Amino acid sequence: MNPKLKKLFKKIFGIKSKITLGSNMDNTKKWDSLTHIKLIIELEKITNKRLSANQIIKLTNVKEIMKILNIKQK
């Protein structure tokens, strides 16, 4: 997983556990509506572009976030 994205997730969700491509809203304890909004804001800041409503709706898991941001998986 992209190191910048991993660092961002750990910062926003305040967790020290491993973030993986399988991490999502259901299996990440602190991924609630407020942290989801914080995630969107930070993603827009680091990419320097606004996400569309359709993109935001799909931001429910790490794999989809990477896909939307066009981050290549390692």
C-alpha atoms as a PDB file:
ATOM      1  CA  MET A   1       0.000   0.000   0.000  1.00  0.00           C
ATOM      2  CA  ASN A   2       1.124   3.548  -0.697  1.00  0.00           C
ATOM      3  CA  PRO A   3       3.140   4.874   2.300  1.00  0.00           C
ATOM      4  CA  LYS A   4       1.582   8.364   2.154  1.00  0.00           C
ATOM      5  CA  LEU A   5      -1.919   6.906   2.184  1.00  0.00           C
ATOM      6  CA  LYS A   6      -0.997   4.530   5.011  1.00  0.00           C
ATOM      7  CA  LYS A   7       0.351   7.438   7.081  1.00  0.00           C
ATOM      8  CA  LEU A   8      -2.787   9.477   6.339  1.00  0.00           C
ATOM      9  CA  PHE A   9      -5.063   6.644   7.503  1.00  0.00           C
ATOM     10  CA  LYS A  10      -3.115   6.166  10.716  1.00  0.00           C
ATOM     11  CA  LYS A  11      -3.268   9.914  11.402  1.00  0.00           C
ATOM     12  CA  ILE A  12      -6.991  10.312  10.708  1.00  0.00           C
ATOM     13  CA  PHE A  13      -8.195   7.143  12.394  1.00  0.00           C
ATOM     14  CA  GLY A  14      -5.715   7.360  15.252  1.00  0.00           C
ATOM     15  CA  ILE A  15      -4.814   3.711  14.986  1.00  0.00           C
ATOM     16  CA  LYS A  16      -1.570   1.844  15.172  1.00  0.00           C
ATOM     17  CA  SER A  17      -2.850  -1.371  13.648  1.00  0.00           C
ATOM     18  CA  LYS A  18      -2.040  -2.427  10.135  1.00  0.00           C
ATOM     19  CA  ILE A  19      -3.932  -0.730   7.318  1.00  0.00           C
ATOM     20  CA  THR A  20      -4.361  -3.008   4.295  1.00  0.00           C
ATOM     21  CA  LEU A  21      -6.133  -3.020   0.939  1.00  0.00           C
ATOM     22  CA  GLY A  22      -8.934  -4.891   2.711  1.00  0.00           C
ATOM     23  CA  SER A  23      -9.492  -2.143   5.297  1.00  0.00           C
ATOM     24  CA  ASN A  24     -12.975  -0.664   5.002  1.00  0.00           C
ATOM     25  CA  MET A  25     -15.714   1.148   6.900  1.00  0.00           C
ATOM     26  CA  ASP A  26     -17.003  -2.085   8.417  1.00  0.00           C
ATOM     27  CA  ASN A  27     -13.741  -3.528   9.718  1.00  0.00           C
ATOM     28  CA  THR A  28     -11.972  -0.318  10.782  1.00  0.00           C
ATOM     29  CA  LYS A  29     -13.213   0.507  14.258  1.00  0.00           C
ATOM     30  CA  LYS A  30     -12.836   4.302  14.134  1.00  0.00           C
ATOM     31  CA  TRP A  31     -14.065   4.771  10.541  1.00  0.00           C
ATOM     32  CA  ASP A  32     -17.284   6.626  11.274  1.00  0.00           C
ATOM     33  CA  SER A  33     -19.051   9.515   9.537  1.00  0.00           C
ATOM     34  CA  LEU A  34     -16.866  12.214  11.085  1.00  0.00           C
ATOM     35  CA  THR A  35     -13.563  10.516  10.296  1.00  0.00           C
ATOM     36  CA  HIS A  36     -14.880   9.791   6.806  1.00  0.00           C
ATOM     37  CA  ILE A  37     -15.345  13.530   6.238  1.00  0.00           C
ATOM     38  CA  LYS A  38     -11.856  14.197   7.618  1.00  0.00           C
ATOM     39  CA  LEU A  39     -10.508  11.574   5.212  1.00  0.00           C
ATOM     40  CA  ILE A  40     -12.205  13.246   2.241  1.00  0.00           C
ATOM     41  CA  ILE A  41     -10.818  16.659   3.216  1.00  0.00           C
ATOM     42  CA  GLU A  42      -7.279  15.311   3.610  1.00  0.00           C
ATOM     43  CA  LEU A  43      -7.468  13.386   0.324  1.00  0.00           C
ATOM     44  CA  GLU A  44      -8.532  16.553  -1.462  1.00  0.00           C
ATOM     45  CA  LYS A  45      -5.657  18.457   0.151  1.00  0.00           C
ATOM     46  CA  ILE A  46      -2.960  15.972  -0.814  1.00  0.00           C
ATOM     47  CA  THR A  47      -4.252  15.537  -4.355  1.00  0.00           C
ATOM     48  CA  ASN A  48      -4.995  19.220  -4.855  1.00  0.00           C
ATOM     49  CA  LYS A  49      -8.326  18.416  -6.509  1.00  0.00           C
ATOM     50  CA  ARG A  50     -11.948  18.109  -5.465  1.00  0.00           C
ATOM     51  CA  LEU A  51     -13.611  14.748  -5.408  1.00  0.00           C
ATOM     52  CA  SER A  52     -16.999  14.408  -7.075  1.00  0.00           C
ATOM     53  CA  ALA A  53     -20.061  13.227  -5.160  1.00  0.00           C
ATOM     54  CA  ASN A  54     -19.893   9.915  -7.046  1.00  0.00           C
ATOM     55  CA  GLN A  55     -16.258   9.430  -6.025  1.00  0.00           C
ATOM     56  CA  ILE A  56     -16.978  10.286  -2.389  1.00  0.00           C
ATOM     57  CA  ILE A  57     -19.760   7.699  -2.250  1.00  0.00           C
ATOM     58  CA  LYS A  58     -17.277   5.024  -3.355  1.00  0.00           C
ATOM     59  CA  LEU A  59     -14.663   5.893  -0.707  1.00  0.00           C
ATOM     60  CA  THR A  60     -15.674   3.027   1.577  1.00  0.00           C
ATOM     61  CA  ASN A  61     -12.477   0.978   1.428  1.00  0.00           C
ATOM     62  CA  VAL A  62      -8.751   1.416   0.902  1.00  0.00           C
ATOM     63  CA  LYS A  63      -8.699  -0.423  -2.424  1.00  0.00           C
ATOM     64  CA  GLU A  64     -11.353   1.877  -3.903  1.00  0.00           C
ATOM     65  CA  ILE A  65      -9.618   4.978  -2.531  1.00  0.00           C
ATOM     66  CA  MET A  66      -6.399   3.940  -4.257  1.00  0.00           C
ATOM     67  CA  LYS A  67      -8.317   3.257  -7.459  1.00  0.00           C
ATOM     68  CA  ILE A  68     -10.016   6.675  -7.424  1.00  0.00           C
ATOM     69  CA  LEU A  69      -6.750   8.441  -6.682  1.00  0.00           C
ATOM     70  CA  ASN A  70      -4.963   6.376  -9.348  1.00  0.00           C
ATOM     71  CA  ILE A  71      -2.362   5.108  -6.900  1.00  0.00           C
ATOM     72  CA  LYS A  72      -0.544   2.057  -8.152  1.00  0.00           C
ATOM     73  CA  GLN A  73      -0.507  -0.910  -5.806  1.00  0.00           C
ATOM     74  CA  LYS A  74       2.835  -2.385  -4.819  1.00  0.00           C
END
